[in-house]
Amino acid sequence: MKSETNKTNHRFKTLAYPHMSLVYNVALKYTGNAFDAHDLVQETYLMAFKYFYQLKDPDRIKPWLLKILRNNFLKTCRTNTEKHQQQQTDYIEHLKSCVEKIDTDDRLALAADTRLVNQAIDALPVKFKDVLTLYYMQDMPYKEIAAALDIPMGTVMSRLNRARERLKTILLDQLQDRRHIFQIHLETEST
């Protein structure tokens, strides 16, 4: 019995520990701070070890761990919504690269004010933020994102596309508003 437990422990460590850095990085993006990220990773690995016997395919451990992480994070959010909403908006800053379809001049203007980008991404539904984070920040392929979020691969692709389009629309609207305010300011200065 002890030998079997040691084998399970060793197998879990061999399969799961190489992904700890990735799990931590995603947890950090979710929580926005190292303290909560460490707690979330610890919860994730404890739960993963507890239910390790349910993992059918060892090659699927990475998406399985990320799915557990996400579920733990969502559970934590439900119990402490306001705190985690603020933290979740903080990690969004890293998603500026999603604005790849906007003209270079507009992109430079947006880069000057990351607050606009943060607000735009914060305006997106969580389902779009999740897909953007995993795709752009963690470089995960569609198939792994689908497994981690427990959604079909086609849904991942459509959510990613919709997220890009919504993000582009929001940012262009914000940029247009900003230009309009600047124009009014110039007109009042000249009079």
N, C-alpha and C. Protein backbone atom coordinates (compact mmCIF):
# COMPACT_ATOMS: atom_id res chain seq x y z
N MET A 1 0.82 -1.20 0.00
CA MET A 1 0.00 0.00 0.00
C MET A 1 0.87 1.26 0.00
N LYS A 2 1.90 1.26 0.84
CA LYS A 2 2.81 2.40 0.92
C LYS A 2 3.54 2.59 -0.40
N SER A 3 3.92 1.50 -1.03
CA SER A 3 4.61 1.55 -2.31
C SER A 3 3.71 2.16 -3.39
N GLU A 4 2.44 1.81 -3.37
CA GLU A 4 1.47 2.34 -4.34
C GLU A 4 1.29 3.85 -4.13
N THR A 5 1.24 4.28 -2.88
CA THR A 5 1.12 5.71 -2.56
C THR A 5 2.35 6.46 -3.04
N ASN A 6 3.52 5.89 -2.84
CA ASN A 6 4.76 6.51 -3.31
C ASN A 6 4.78 6.63 -4.83
N LYS A 7 4.29 5.60 -5.51
CA LYS A 7 4.22 5.64 -6.98
C LYS A 7 3.28 6.74 -7.45
N THR A 8 2.14 6.85 -6.79
CA THR A 8 1.17 7.90 -7.14
C THR A 8 1.77 9.28 -6.90
N ASN A 9 2.41 9.46 -5.75
CA ASN A 9 3.06 10.74 -5.44
C ASN A 9 4.10 11.08 -6.49
N HIS A 10 4.93 10.11 -6.82
CA HIS A 10 5.99 10.33 -7.81
C HIS A 10 5.39 10.66 -9.19
N ARG A 11 4.37 9.92 -9.57
CA ARG A 11 3.74 10.15 -10.88
C ARG A 11 3.10 11.54 -10.94
N PHE A 12 2.44 11.93 -9.86
CA PHE A 12 1.83 13.26 -9.81
C PHE A 12 2.90 14.34 -9.93
N LYS A 13 3.96 14.21 -9.16
CA LYS A 13 5.05 15.20 -9.22
C LYS A 13 5.65 15.27 -10.61
N THR A 14 5.87 14.11 -11.21
CA THR A 14 6.48 14.05 -12.54
C THR A 14 5.60 14.73 -13.59
N LEU A 15 4.30 14.53 -13.50
CA LEU A 15 3.39 15.08 -14.50
C LEU A 15 2.98 16.52 -14.21
N ALA A 16 2.69 16.83 -12.95
CA ALA A 16 2.08 18.12 -12.62
C ALA A 16 3.08 19.23 -12.32
N TYR A 17 4.18 18.91 -11.67
CA TYR A 17 5.10 19.95 -11.24
C TYR A 17 5.74 20.74 -12.39
N PRO A 18 6.02 20.14 -13.54
CA PRO A 18 6.58 20.94 -14.63
C PRO A 18 5.67 22.08 -15.11
N HIS A 19 4.39 22.01 -14.78
CA HIS A 19 3.43 23.04 -15.21
C HIS A 19 3.16 24.08 -14.13
N MET A 20 3.86 23.97 -13.01
CA MET A 20 3.58 24.87 -11.90
C MET A 20 3.84 26.33 -12.25
N SER A 21 4.86 26.59 -13.03
CA SER A 21 5.16 27.96 -13.43
C SER A 21 4.03 28.54 -14.27
N LEU A 22 3.54 27.78 -15.22
CA LEU A 22 2.42 28.22 -16.04
C LEU A 22 1.18 28.45 -15.18
N VAL A 23 0.88 27.51 -14.31
CA VAL A 23 -0.30 27.63 -13.44
C VAL A 23 -0.16 28.88 -12.56
N TYR A 24 1.03 29.12 -12.05
CA TYR A 24 1.25 30.32 -11.23
C TYR A 24 1.05 31.59 -12.05
N ASN A 25 1.59 31.63 -13.27
CA ASN A 25 1.45 32.83 -14.10
C ASN A 25 -0.01 33.12 -14.41
N VAL A 26 -0.78 32.09 -14.72
CA VAL A 26 -2.21 32.29 -14.98
C VAL A 26 -2.90 32.74 -13.69
N ALA A 27 -2.55 32.13 -12.58
CA ALA A 27 -3.14 32.53 -11.29
C ALA A 27 -2.82 33.99 -10.97
N LEU A 28 -1.61 34.39 -11.28
CA LEU A 28 -1.21 35.78 -11.06
C LEU A 28 -2.02 36.73 -11.92
N LYS A 29 -2.30 36.33 -13.15
CA LYS A 29 -3.12 37.15 -14.03
C LYS A 29 -4.55 37.25 -13.49
N TYR A 30 -5.05 36.13 -12.99
CA TYR A 30 -6.41 36.12 -12.44
C TYR A 30 -6.51 36.98 -11.19
N THR A 31 -5.57 36.82 -10.27
CA THR A 31 -5.69 37.47 -8.97
C THR A 31 -5.09 38.86 -8.92
N GLY A 32 -4.05 39.08 -9.68
CA GLY A 32 -3.42 40.39 -9.69
C GLY A 32 -2.36 40.59 -8.62
N ASN A 33 -2.14 39.59 -7.77
CA ASN A 33 -1.09 39.74 -6.76
C ASN A 33 -0.51 38.37 -6.41
N ALA A 34 0.74 38.40 -5.98
CA ALA A 34 1.48 37.16 -5.73
C ALA A 34 0.91 36.36 -4.57
N PHE A 35 0.47 37.04 -3.53
CA PHE A 35 -0.05 36.35 -2.34
C PHE A 35 -1.25 35.48 -2.70
N ASP A 36 -2.25 36.07 -3.34
CA ASP A 36 -3.44 35.31 -3.72
C ASP A 36 -3.12 34.27 -4.79
N ALA A 37 -2.17 34.59 -5.67
CA ALA A 37 -1.79 33.63 -6.71
C ALA A 37 -1.18 32.38 -6.08
N HIS A 38 -0.32 32.56 -5.08
CA HIS A 38 0.27 31.40 -4.38
C HIS A 38 -0.83 30.55 -3.73
N ASP A 39 -1.77 31.22 -3.08
CA ASP A 39 -2.88 30.49 -2.45
C ASP A 39 -3.68 29.70 -3.48
N LEU A 40 -3.95 30.35 -4.61
CA LEU A 40 -4.73 29.71 -5.66
C LEU A 40 -3.99 28.51 -6.26
N VAL A 41 -2.69 28.65 -6.45
CA VAL A 41 -1.89 27.53 -6.97
C VAL A 41 -1.87 26.39 -5.97
N GLN A 42 -1.72 26.73 -4.70
CA GLN A 42 -1.71 25.69 -3.67
C GLN A 42 -3.05 24.94 -3.64
N GLU A 43 -4.15 25.68 -3.68
CA GLU A 43 -5.48 25.05 -3.73
C GLU A 43 -5.61 24.16 -4.95
N THR A 44 -5.13 24.66 -6.07
CA THR A 44 -5.23 23.92 -7.33
C THR A 44 -4.46 22.61 -7.26
N TYR A 45 -3.24 22.66 -6.77
CA TYR A 45 -2.43 21.44 -6.70
C TYR A 45 -2.95 20.46 -5.65
N LEU A 46 -3.49 20.98 -4.57
CA LEU A 46 -4.10 20.08 -3.57
C LEU A 46 -5.30 19.35 -4.17
N MET A 47 -6.14 20.11 -4.86
CA MET A 47 -7.31 19.50 -5.48
C MET A 47 -6.90 18.55 -6.59
N ALA A 48 -5.91 18.94 -7.37
CA ALA A 48 -5.43 18.07 -8.46
C ALA A 48 -4.89 16.76 -7.90
N PHE A 49 -4.15 16.84 -6.81
CA PHE A 49 -3.63 15.61 -6.20
C PHE A 49 -4.76 14.74 -5.66
N LYS A 50 -5.72 15.39 -5.03
CA LYS A 50 -6.85 14.66 -4.46
C LYS A 50 -7.62 13.88 -5.53
N TYR A 51 -7.77 14.49 -6.70
CA TYR A 51 -8.55 13.87 -7.78
C TYR A 51 -7.68 13.34 -8.91
N PHE A 52 -6.40 13.16 -8.64
CA PHE A 52 -5.46 12.70 -9.66
C PHE A 52 -5.88 11.38 -10.28
N TYR A 53 -6.51 10.54 -9.50
CA TYR A 53 -6.96 9.23 -10.00
C TYR A 53 -7.99 9.38 -11.13
N GLN A 54 -8.64 10.54 -11.22
CA GLN A 54 -9.65 10.76 -12.26
C GLN A 54 -9.04 11.17 -13.60
N LEU A 55 -7.79 11.56 -13.60
CA LEU A 55 -7.14 11.97 -14.84
C LEU A 55 -6.91 10.74 -15.70
N LYS A 56 -7.60 10.68 -16.83
CA LYS A 56 -7.53 9.50 -17.69
C LYS A 56 -6.31 9.54 -18.62
N ASP A 57 -6.02 10.73 -19.14
CA ASP A 57 -4.94 10.88 -20.12
C ASP A 57 -3.85 11.78 -19.56
N PRO A 58 -2.69 11.24 -19.23
CA PRO A 58 -1.61 12.06 -18.66
C PRO A 58 -1.16 13.21 -19.57
N ASP A 59 -1.37 13.07 -20.88
CA ASP A 59 -1.00 14.14 -21.81
C ASP A 59 -1.90 15.36 -21.66
N ARG A 60 -3.02 15.21 -20.96
CA ARG A 60 -3.99 16.30 -20.80
C ARG A 60 -3.86 16.98 -19.44
N ILE A 61 -2.73 16.75 -18.77
CA ILE A 61 -2.60 17.30 -17.41
C ILE A 61 -2.57 18.83 -17.41
N LYS A 62 -1.94 19.44 -18.41
CA LYS A 62 -1.86 20.91 -18.41
C LYS A 62 -3.25 21.54 -18.50
N PRO A 63 -4.08 21.19 -19.49
CA PRO A 63 -5.42 21.78 -19.50
C PRO A 63 -6.26 21.39 -18.28
N TRP A 64 -6.03 20.19 -17.75
CA TRP A 64 -6.75 19.74 -16.57
C TRP A 64 -6.40 20.63 -15.37
N LEU A 65 -5.11 20.92 -15.19
CA LEU A 65 -4.68 21.80 -14.10
C LEU A 65 -5.26 23.21 -14.27
N LEU A 66 -5.24 23.71 -15.51
CA LEU A 66 -5.76 25.05 -15.76
C LEU A 66 -7.27 25.12 -15.53
N LYS A 67 -7.94 24.03 -15.83
CA LYS A 67 -9.39 23.98 -15.58
C LYS A 67 -9.66 24.01 -14.08
N ILE A 68 -8.90 23.25 -13.31
CA ILE A 68 -9.04 23.27 -11.85
C ILE A 68 -8.73 24.66 -11.31
N LEU A 69 -7.67 25.26 -11.83
CA LEU A 69 -7.29 26.62 -11.42
C LEU A 69 -8.43 27.59 -11.67
N ARG A 70 -8.97 27.55 -12.88
CA ARG A 70 -10.05 28.47 -13.23
C ARG A 70 -11.27 28.24 -12.34
N ASN A 71 -11.63 26.99 -12.13
CA ASN A 71 -12.78 26.70 -11.28
C ASN A 71 -12.55 27.18 -9.85
N ASN A 72 -11.34 26.99 -9.34
CA ASN A 72 -11.01 27.49 -8.00
C ASN A 72 -11.10 29.01 -7.95
N PHE A 73 -10.60 29.65 -8.99
CA PHE A 73 -10.66 31.11 -9.04
C PHE A 73 -12.10 31.59 -9.08
N LEU A 74 -12.92 30.97 -9.91
CA LEU A 74 -14.33 31.38 -10.00
C LEU A 74 -15.05 31.15 -8.68
N LYS A 75 -14.72 30.05 -8.01
CA LYS A 75 -15.32 29.78 -6.70
C LYS A 75 -14.92 30.88 -5.71
N THR A 76 -13.66 31.26 -5.75
CA THR A 76 -13.17 32.32 -4.87
C THR A 76 -13.85 33.64 -5.22
N CYS A 77 -14.04 33.90 -6.50
CA CYS A 77 -14.71 35.13 -6.93
C CYS A 77 -16.14 35.20 -6.40
N ARG A 78 -16.81 34.08 -6.44
CA ARG A 78 -18.19 34.06 -5.96
C ARG A 78 -18.27 34.40 -4.48
N THR A 79 -17.27 33.99 -3.73
CA THR A 79 -17.30 34.25 -2.29
C THR A 79 -16.77 35.63 -1.92
N ASN A 80 -16.03 36.24 -2.81
CA ASN A 80 -15.44 37.54 -2.51
C ASN A 80 -15.43 38.40 -3.77
N THR A 81 -16.59 38.63 -4.34
CA THR A 81 -16.74 39.23 -5.66
C THR A 81 -16.05 40.59 -5.81
N GLU A 82 -16.31 41.51 -4.94
CA GLU A 82 -15.79 42.86 -5.13
C GLU A 82 -14.26 42.90 -5.14
N LYS A 83 -13.64 42.20 -4.21
CA LYS A 83 -12.18 42.18 -4.13
C LYS A 83 -11.58 41.63 -5.41
N HIS A 84 -12.12 40.52 -5.88
CA HIS A 84 -11.54 39.88 -7.05
C HIS A 84 -11.87 40.60 -8.36
N GLN A 85 -12.96 41.34 -8.40
CA GLN A 85 -13.24 42.11 -9.61
C GLN A 85 -12.15 43.15 -9.83
N GLN A 86 -11.74 43.82 -8.74
CA GLN A 86 -10.68 44.81 -8.85
C GLN A 86 -9.36 44.15 -9.26
N GLN A 87 -9.06 43.02 -8.65
CA GLN A 87 -7.81 42.33 -8.96
C GLN A 87 -7.82 41.82 -10.39
N GLN A 88 -8.97 41.37 -10.84
CA GLN A 88 -9.04 40.84 -12.20
C GLN A 88 -8.81 41.94 -13.22
N THR A 89 -9.29 43.14 -12.94
CA THR A 89 -9.08 44.22 -13.89
C THR A 89 -7.60 44.62 -13.96
N ASP A 90 -6.86 44.41 -12.88
CA ASP A 90 -5.44 44.77 -12.87
C ASP A 90 -4.61 43.93 -13.83
N TYR A 91 -4.93 42.66 -13.98
CA TYR A 91 -4.11 41.81 -14.84
C TYR A 91 -4.35 42.08 -16.32
N ILE A 92 -5.39 42.81 -16.62
CA ILE A 92 -5.79 43.07 -17.99
C ILE A 92 -4.76 43.91 -18.75
N GLU A 93 -3.97 44.69 -18.06
CA GLU A 93 -2.99 45.56 -18.71
C GLU A 93 -2.11 44.82 -19.70
N HIS A 94 -1.83 43.57 -19.42
CA HIS A 94 -0.95 42.78 -20.27
C HIS A 94 -1.58 42.38 -21.60
N LEU A 95 -2.83 42.66 -21.77
CA LEU A 95 -3.51 42.21 -22.98
C LEU A 95 -3.53 43.26 -24.09
N LYS A 96 -2.73 44.28 -23.96
CA LYS A 96 -2.72 45.33 -24.98
C LYS A 96 -2.39 44.79 -26.37
N SER A 97 -1.67 43.73 -26.42
CA SER A 97 -1.28 43.16 -27.71
C SER A 97 -2.47 42.65 -28.52
N CYS A 98 -3.62 42.56 -27.87
CA CYS A 98 -4.83 42.10 -28.58
C CYS A 98 -5.31 43.12 -29.60
N VAL A 99 -4.81 44.30 -29.53
CA VAL A 99 -5.30 45.38 -30.37
C VAL A 99 -4.52 45.43 -31.68
N GLU A 100 -4.30 44.27 -32.28
CA GLU A 100 -3.43 44.17 -33.43
C GLU A 100 -4.04 44.69 -34.73
N LYS A 101 -5.34 44.87 -34.79
CA LYS A 101 -5.98 45.28 -36.04
C LYS A 101 -6.18 46.79 -36.15
N ILE A 102 -5.74 47.53 -35.15
CA ILE A 102 -5.93 48.98 -35.17
C ILE A 102 -4.73 49.62 -35.87
N ASP A 103 -4.97 50.72 -36.58
CA ASP A 103 -3.91 51.43 -37.29
C ASP A 103 -2.76 51.77 -36.35
N THR A 104 -1.56 51.89 -36.94
CA THR A 104 -0.36 52.17 -36.14
C THR A 104 -0.47 53.48 -35.38
N ASP A 105 -0.96 54.54 -36.02
CA ASP A 105 -1.10 55.83 -35.34
C ASP A 105 -2.04 55.72 -34.15
N ASP A 106 -3.15 55.04 -34.37
CA ASP A 106 -4.11 54.86 -33.28
C ASP A 106 -3.51 53.99 -32.18
N ARG A 107 -2.73 52.99 -32.57
CA ARG A 107 -2.11 52.10 -31.59
C ARG A 107 -1.12 52.88 -30.71
N LEU A 108 -0.37 53.79 -31.32
CA LEU A 108 0.57 54.60 -30.55
C LEU A 108 -0.16 55.52 -29.59
N ALA A 109 -1.27 56.08 -30.04
CA ALA A 109 -2.07 56.94 -29.17
C ALA A 109 -2.62 56.16 -27.99
N LEU A 110 -3.03 54.94 -28.25
CA LEU A 110 -3.57 54.10 -27.17
C LEU A 110 -2.48 53.67 -26.20
N ALA A 111 -1.29 53.41 -26.73
CA ALA A 111 -0.19 52.98 -25.87
C ALA A 111 0.19 54.07 -24.87
N ALA A 112 -0.04 55.32 -25.25
CA ALA A 112 0.27 56.44 -24.36
C ALA A 112 -0.64 56.45 -23.14
N ASP A 113 -1.77 55.81 -23.24
CA ASP A 113 -2.70 55.80 -22.11
C ASP A 113 -3.20 54.39 -21.86
N THR A 114 -2.47 53.63 -21.08
CA THR A 114 -2.85 52.23 -20.83
C THR A 114 -4.16 52.13 -20.08
N ARG A 115 -4.54 53.21 -19.44
CA ARG A 115 -5.81 53.22 -18.73
C ARG A 115 -6.97 52.95 -19.69
N LEU A 116 -6.89 53.51 -20.89
CA LEU A 116 -7.93 53.28 -21.90
C LEU A 116 -8.02 51.80 -22.26
N VAL A 117 -6.87 51.18 -22.43
CA VAL A 117 -6.84 49.76 -22.78
C VAL A 117 -7.41 48.93 -21.63
N ASN A 118 -7.00 49.25 -20.42
CA ASN A 118 -7.51 48.52 -19.25
C ASN A 118 -9.02 48.64 -19.15
N GLN A 119 -9.52 49.84 -19.36
CA GLN A 119 -10.97 50.04 -19.30
C GLN A 119 -11.68 49.27 -20.40
N ALA A 120 -11.09 49.27 -21.58
CA ALA A 120 -11.71 48.56 -22.71
C ALA A 120 -11.77 47.06 -22.44
N ILE A 121 -10.68 46.50 -21.97
CA ILE A 121 -10.67 45.06 -21.70
C ILE A 121 -11.56 44.74 -20.51
N ASP A 122 -11.58 45.62 -19.54
CA ASP A 122 -12.45 45.42 -18.38
C ASP A 122 -13.93 45.41 -18.78
N ALA A 123 -14.24 46.10 -19.85
CA ALA A 123 -15.63 46.14 -20.33
C ALA A 123 -16.05 44.83 -21.00
N LEU A 124 -15.09 43.99 -21.33
CA LEU A 124 -15.41 42.71 -21.96
C LEU A 124 -15.96 41.73 -20.93
N PRO A 125 -16.85 40.85 -21.36
CA PRO A 125 -17.31 39.79 -20.45
C PRO A 125 -16.16 38.85 -20.08
N VAL A 126 -16.28 38.22 -18.92
CA VAL A 126 -15.23 37.33 -18.40
C VAL A 126 -14.89 36.24 -19.40
N LYS A 127 -15.89 35.71 -20.10
CA LYS A 127 -15.62 34.62 -21.05
C LYS A 127 -14.66 35.07 -22.15
N PHE A 128 -14.68 36.34 -22.52
CA PHE A 128 -13.75 36.85 -23.52
C PHE A 128 -12.39 37.13 -22.90
N LYS A 129 -12.36 37.65 -21.67
CA LYS A 129 -11.09 37.90 -20.98
C LYS A 129 -10.32 36.60 -20.80
N ASP A 130 -11.02 35.54 -20.42
CA ASP A 130 -10.37 34.24 -20.21
C ASP A 130 -9.67 33.77 -21.48
N VAL A 131 -10.39 33.81 -22.59
CA VAL A 131 -9.84 33.32 -23.86
C VAL A 131 -8.66 34.19 -24.29
N LEU A 132 -8.79 35.51 -24.16
CA LEU A 132 -7.69 36.42 -24.52
C LEU A 132 -6.45 36.15 -23.67
N THR A 133 -6.64 35.96 -22.38
CA THR A 133 -5.51 35.71 -21.48
C THR A 133 -4.78 34.43 -21.85
N LEU A 134 -5.54 33.36 -22.02
CA LEU A 134 -4.90 32.08 -22.31
C LEU A 134 -4.23 32.08 -23.69
N TYR A 135 -4.85 32.73 -24.65
CA TYR A 135 -4.30 32.72 -26.01
C TYR A 135 -3.10 33.66 -26.13
N TYR A 136 -3.25 34.90 -25.68
CA TYR A 136 -2.19 35.89 -25.90
C TYR A 136 -1.11 35.88 -24.81
N MET A 137 -1.50 35.66 -23.57
CA MET A 137 -0.51 35.74 -22.50
C MET A 137 0.16 34.39 -22.22
N GLN A 138 -0.57 33.31 -22.42
CA GLN A 138 -0.01 31.99 -22.13
C GLN A 138 0.34 31.21 -23.40
N ASP A 139 0.08 31.80 -24.55
CA ASP A 139 0.39 31.17 -25.84
C ASP A 139 -0.18 29.75 -25.95
N MET A 140 -1.36 29.58 -25.43
CA MET A 140 -1.98 28.25 -25.48
C MET A 140 -2.70 28.08 -26.82
N PRO A 141 -2.60 26.91 -27.41
CA PRO A 141 -3.35 26.64 -28.64
C PRO A 141 -4.85 26.48 -28.34
N TYR A 142 -5.66 26.62 -29.38
CA TYR A 142 -7.11 26.54 -29.23
C TYR A 142 -7.55 25.28 -28.48
N LYS A 143 -6.95 24.17 -28.84
CA LYS A 143 -7.35 22.88 -28.27
C LYS A 143 -7.16 22.86 -26.75
N GLU A 144 -6.04 23.39 -26.27
CA GLU A 144 -5.78 23.41 -24.84
C GLU A 144 -6.68 24.40 -24.12
N ILE A 145 -6.96 25.53 -24.76
CA ILE A 145 -7.89 26.49 -24.17
C ILE A 145 -9.26 25.86 -24.02
N ALA A 146 -9.68 25.15 -25.06
CA ALA A 146 -10.98 24.48 -25.02
C ALA A 146 -11.04 23.50 -23.86
N ALA A 147 -9.98 22.74 -23.67
CA ALA A 147 -9.96 21.78 -22.57
C ALA A 147 -9.94 22.48 -21.21
N ALA A 148 -9.16 23.54 -21.10
CA ALA A 148 -9.05 24.26 -19.83
C ALA A 148 -10.35 24.94 -19.43
N LEU A 149 -11.08 25.45 -20.42
CA LEU A 149 -12.32 26.16 -20.14
C LEU A 149 -13.55 25.27 -20.27
N ASP A 150 -13.32 24.04 -20.71
CA ASP A 150 -14.39 23.06 -20.88
C ASP A 150 -15.45 23.56 -21.87
N ILE A 151 -14.96 24.04 -23.01
CA ILE A 151 -15.84 24.49 -24.09
C ILE A 151 -15.31 23.92 -25.40
N PRO A 152 -16.16 23.84 -26.43
CA PRO A 152 -15.69 23.34 -27.73
C PRO A 152 -14.64 24.27 -28.35
N MET A 153 -13.78 23.70 -29.18
CA MET A 153 -12.71 24.47 -29.81
C MET A 153 -13.29 25.57 -30.71
N GLY A 154 -14.40 25.29 -31.38
CA GLY A 154 -15.05 26.31 -32.21
C GLY A 154 -15.50 27.50 -31.38
N THR A 155 -15.94 27.23 -30.17
CA THR A 155 -16.35 28.31 -29.27
C THR A 155 -15.15 29.16 -28.87
N VAL A 156 -14.01 28.53 -28.66
CA VAL A 156 -12.79 29.28 -28.35
C VAL A 156 -12.47 30.24 -29.49
N MET A 157 -12.51 29.72 -30.71
CA MET A 157 -12.17 30.56 -31.87
C MET A 157 -13.17 31.70 -32.04
N SER A 158 -14.46 31.41 -31.88
CA SER A 158 -15.45 32.48 -32.05
C SER A 158 -15.36 33.50 -30.92
N ARG A 159 -15.11 33.05 -29.69
CA ARG A 159 -14.97 34.00 -28.57
C ARG A 159 -13.74 34.88 -28.76
N LEU A 160 -12.67 34.29 -29.25
CA LEU A 160 -11.46 35.07 -29.48
C LEU A 160 -11.70 36.13 -30.56
N ASN A 161 -12.37 35.73 -31.62
CA ASN A 161 -12.69 36.67 -32.68
C ASN A 161 -13.63 37.77 -32.18
N ARG A 162 -14.66 37.38 -31.45
CA ARG A 162 -15.61 38.37 -30.91
C ARG A 162 -14.91 39.30 -29.92
N ALA A 163 -14.03 38.74 -29.12
CA ALA A 163 -13.29 39.56 -28.15
C ALA A 163 -12.45 40.61 -28.86
N ARG A 164 -11.76 40.19 -29.92
CA ARG A 164 -10.94 41.14 -30.70
C ARG A 164 -11.82 42.25 -31.29
N GLU A 165 -12.94 41.85 -31.87
CA GLU A 165 -13.83 42.83 -32.49
C GLU A 165 -14.41 43.80 -31.46
N ARG A 166 -14.85 43.26 -30.34
CA ARG A 166 -15.40 44.13 -29.29
C ARG A 166 -14.32 45.06 -28.74
N LEU A 167 -13.15 44.52 -28.54
CA LEU A 167 -12.04 45.31 -28.03
C LEU A 167 -11.70 46.44 -29.01
N LYS A 168 -11.65 46.10 -30.27
CA LYS A 168 -11.36 47.10 -31.30
C LYS A 168 -12.42 48.19 -31.30
N THR A 169 -13.68 47.81 -31.24
CA THR A 169 -14.78 48.78 -31.25
C THR A 169 -14.71 49.69 -30.03
N ILE A 170 -14.52 49.10 -28.87
CA ILE A 170 -14.44 49.89 -27.64
C ILE A 170 -13.28 50.87 -27.69
N LEU A 171 -12.13 50.39 -28.12
CA LEU A 171 -10.95 51.25 -28.17
C LEU A 171 -11.09 52.36 -29.20
N LEU A 172 -11.65 52.04 -30.34
CA LEU A 172 -11.85 53.07 -31.36
C LEU A 172 -12.85 54.12 -30.89
N ASP A 173 -13.90 53.68 -30.19
CA ASP A 173 -14.87 54.63 -29.62
C ASP A 173 -14.20 55.53 -28.59
N GLN A 174 -13.39 54.94 -27.73
CA GLN A 174 -12.68 55.72 -26.72
C GLN A 174 -11.72 56.71 -27.37
N LEU A 175 -11.05 56.25 -28.40
CA LEU A 175 -10.11 57.12 -29.11
C LEU A 175 -10.85 58.27 -29.79
N GLN A 176 -11.99 57.97 -30.39
CA GLN A 176 -12.79 59.00 -31.04
C GLN A 176 -13.27 60.02 -30.00
N ASP A 177 -13.72 59.56 -28.85
CA ASP A 177 -14.15 60.47 -27.78
C ASP A 177 -12.99 61.35 -27.34
N ARG A 178 -11.83 60.74 -27.23
CA ARG A 178 -10.64 61.47 -26.81
C ARG A 178 -10.26 62.55 -27.83
N ARG A 179 -10.33 62.20 -29.09
CA ARG A 179 -10.02 63.18 -30.15
C ARG A 179 -11.03 64.32 -30.14
N HIS A 180 -12.30 63.97 -29.90
CA HIS A 180 -13.35 64.98 -29.86
C HIS A 180 -13.10 65.96 -28.70
N ILE A 181 -12.75 65.45 -27.54
CA ILE A 181 -12.46 66.30 -26.39
C ILE A 181 -11.24 67.18 -26.67
N PHE A 182 -10.22 66.61 -27.30
CA PHE A 182 -9.03 67.37 -27.64
C PHE A 182 -9.38 68.48 -28.64
N GLN A 183 -10.24 68.18 -29.61
CA GLN A 183 -10.66 69.17 -30.60
C GLN A 183 -11.40 70.31 -29.92
N ILE A 184 -12.29 70.00 -28.99
CA ILE A 184 -13.03 71.04 -28.26
C ILE A 184 -12.05 71.90 -27.47
N HIS A 185 -11.07 71.27 -26.85
CA HIS A 185 -10.07 71.99 -26.08
C HIS A 185 -9.29 72.95 -26.97
N LEU A 186 -8.91 72.51 -28.16
CA LEU A 186 -8.18 73.37 -29.10
C LEU A 186 -9.05 74.54 -29.54
N GLU A 187 -10.31 74.28 -29.80
CA GLU A 187 -11.22 75.34 -30.24
C GLU A 187 -11.42 76.39 -29.15
N THR A 188 -11.54 75.98 -27.90
CA THR A 188 -11.73 76.93 -26.81
C THR A 188 -10.46 77.73 -26.53
N GLU A 189 -9.30 77.14 -26.78
CA GLU A 189 -8.04 77.85 -26.58
C GLU A 189 -7.84 78.92 -27.64
N SER A 190 -8.31 78.67 -28.84
CA SER A 190 -8.10 79.61 -29.94
C SER A 190 -9.05 80.80 -29.88
N THR A 191 -10.09 80.71 -29.06
CA THR A 191 -11.02 81.85 -28.96
C THR A 191 -10.71 82.77 -27.83
